[in-house]
Amino acid sequence: MTSFFRDQTFPANWNRRSSAGTFGTIGNQAIQIFLAHPISPGANNEKGVYVRDNTSVDATIFQEYSSTPPEF
């Protein structure tokens, strides 16, 4: 990638779509990549080490909605 920034040229093996992608096509490709390389949600800590989130999405959604009662 250094040639991209230094020389402002694309790398020799650069590939791009010949036409615009649809949401379905791009979504399917993203799913294929995720299934081949699954990664749990998380973030890097102060030392740069990846740490997984310890809460599930379901728990986070429940906590968000249960902590804020609806206003009438």
C-alpha atoms as a PDB file:
ATOM      1  CA  MET A   1       0.000   0.000   0.000  1.00  0.00           C
ATOM      2  CA  THR A   2       2.951   2.355   0.218  1.00  0.00           C
ATOM      3  CA  SER A   3       2.767   3.011  -3.528  1.00  0.00           C
ATOM      4  CA  PHE A   4      -0.836   4.138  -3.086  1.00  0.00           C
ATOM      5  CA  PHE A   5       0.143   6.907  -0.684  1.00  0.00           C
ATOM      6  CA  ARG A   6       3.665   7.716  -1.847  1.00  0.00           C
ATOM      7  CA  ASP A   7       3.185   7.528  -5.628  1.00  0.00           C
ATOM      8  CA  GLN A   8      -0.586   8.078  -5.640  1.00  0.00           C
ATOM      9  CA  THR A   9      -1.055   4.961  -7.804  1.00  0.00           C
ATOM     10  CA  PHE A  10      -3.012   1.768  -7.245  1.00  0.00           C
ATOM     11  CA  PRO A  11      -1.050  -1.427  -6.443  1.00  0.00           C
ATOM     12  CA  ALA A  12      -0.475  -3.881  -9.314  1.00  0.00           C
ATOM     13  CA  ASN A  13      -2.951  -6.414  -7.904  1.00  0.00           C
ATOM     14  CA  TRP A  14      -5.691  -3.826  -7.256  1.00  0.00           C
ATOM     15  CA  ASN A  15      -9.164  -4.995  -8.262  1.00  0.00           C
ATOM     16  CA  ARG A  16     -12.401  -3.075  -8.386  1.00  0.00           C
ATOM     17  CA  ARG A  17     -15.946  -3.791  -9.448  1.00  0.00           C
ATOM     18  CA  SER A  18     -16.849  -3.044 -13.051  1.00  0.00           C
ATOM     19  CA  SER A  19     -20.317  -1.872 -11.976  1.00  0.00           C
ATOM     20  CA  ALA A  20     -22.086  -0.622  -8.887  1.00  0.00           C
ATOM     21  CA  GLY A  21     -22.823  -3.309  -6.313  1.00  0.00           C
ATOM     22  CA  THR A  22     -26.281  -3.917  -4.919  1.00  0.00           C
ATOM     23  CA  PHE A  23     -27.011  -4.157  -1.213  1.00  0.00           C
ATOM     24  CA  GLY A  24     -27.804  -7.868  -1.595  1.00  0.00           C
ATOM     25  CA  THR A  25     -24.560  -8.664  -3.413  1.00  0.00           C
ATOM     26  CA  ILE A  26     -22.362  -6.713  -1.031  1.00  0.00           C
ATOM     27  CA  GLY A  27     -24.242  -8.105   1.992  1.00  0.00           C
ATOM     28  CA  ASN A  28     -23.753 -11.687   0.780  1.00  0.00           C
ATOM     29  CA  GLN A  29     -20.040 -11.074   0.220  1.00  0.00           C
ATOM     30  CA  ALA A  30     -19.700  -9.558   3.693  1.00  0.00           C
ATOM     31  CA  ILE A  31     -21.398 -12.611   5.215  1.00  0.00           C
ATOM     32  CA  GLN A  32     -19.046 -14.949   3.329  1.00  0.00           C
ATOM     33  CA  ILE A  33     -16.017 -13.044   4.628  1.00  0.00           C
ATOM     34  CA  PHE A  34     -17.369 -13.062   8.200  1.00  0.00           C
ATOM     35  CA  LEU A  35     -18.118 -16.796   8.096  1.00  0.00           C
ATOM     36  CA  ALA A  36     -14.592 -17.505   6.837  1.00  0.00           C
ATOM     37  CA  HIS A  37     -13.005 -15.185   9.449  1.00  0.00           C
ATOM     38  CA  PRO A  38     -15.393 -14.749  12.395  1.00  0.00           C
ATOM     39  CA  ILE A  39     -14.405 -12.115  14.919  1.00  0.00           C
ATOM     40  CA  SER A  40     -16.227 -11.401  18.156  1.00  0.00           C
ATOM     41  CA  PRO A  41     -17.097  -7.755  18.840  1.00  0.00           C
ATOM     42  CA  GLY A  42     -14.498  -5.903  20.872  1.00  0.00           C
ATOM     43  CA  ALA A  43     -11.828  -3.208  20.815  1.00  0.00           C
ATOM     44  CA  ASN A  44      -8.127  -2.669  21.397  1.00  0.00           C
ATOM     45  CA  ASN A  45      -7.160  -1.798  24.957  1.00  0.00           C
ATOM     46  CA  GLU A  46      -4.576   0.837  25.923  1.00  0.00           C
ATOM     47  CA  LYS A  47      -1.753  -1.630  25.117  1.00  0.00           C
ATOM     48  CA  GLY A  48      -3.120  -2.326  21.631  1.00  0.00           C
ATOM     49  CA  VAL A  49      -4.348  -5.827  22.541  1.00  0.00           C
ATOM     50  CA  TYR A  50      -7.742  -6.854  21.132  1.00  0.00           C
ATOM     51  CA  VAL A  51     -10.218  -7.588  23.924  1.00  0.00           C
ATOM     52  CA  ARG A  52     -13.625  -9.111  23.216  1.00  0.00           C
ATOM     53  CA  ASP A  53     -16.752  -7.433  24.558  1.00  0.00           C
ATOM     54  CA  ASN A  54     -18.110  -9.414  27.467  1.00  0.00           C
ATOM     55  CA  THR A  55     -21.768  -8.608  26.799  1.00  0.00           C
ATOM     56  CA  SER A  56     -23.925 -10.107  24.106  1.00  0.00           C
ATOM     57  CA  VAL A  57     -25.899  -7.969  21.691  1.00  0.00           C
ATOM     58  CA  ASP A  58     -29.154  -9.272  23.172  1.00  0.00           C
ATOM     59  CA  ALA A  59     -28.089  -8.239  26.676  1.00  0.00           C
ATOM     60  CA  THR A  60     -27.025  -4.799  25.466  1.00  0.00           C
ATOM     61  CA  ILE A  61     -30.323  -4.199  23.656  1.00  0.00           C
ATOM     62  CA  PHE A  62     -32.318  -5.374  26.685  1.00  0.00           C
ATOM     63  CA  GLN A  63     -30.326  -3.148  29.023  1.00  0.00           C
ATOM     64  CA  GLU A  64     -30.731  -0.126  26.740  1.00  0.00           C
ATOM     65  CA  TYR A  65     -34.507  -0.475  26.443  1.00  0.00           C
ATOM     66  CA  SER A  66     -35.183  -1.528  30.030  1.00  0.00           C
ATOM     67  CA  SER A  67     -33.188   1.337  31.544  1.00  0.00           C
ATOM     68  CA  THR A  68     -35.171   4.013  29.673  1.00  0.00           C
ATOM     69  CA  PRO A  69     -38.893   3.772  30.379  1.00  0.00           C
ATOM     70  CA  PRO A  70     -41.220   5.170  27.711  1.00  0.00           C
ATOM     71  CA  GLU A  71     -42.607   8.648  28.272  1.00  0.00           C
ATOM     72  CA  PHE A  72     -46.342   9.283  27.898  1.00  0.00           C
END
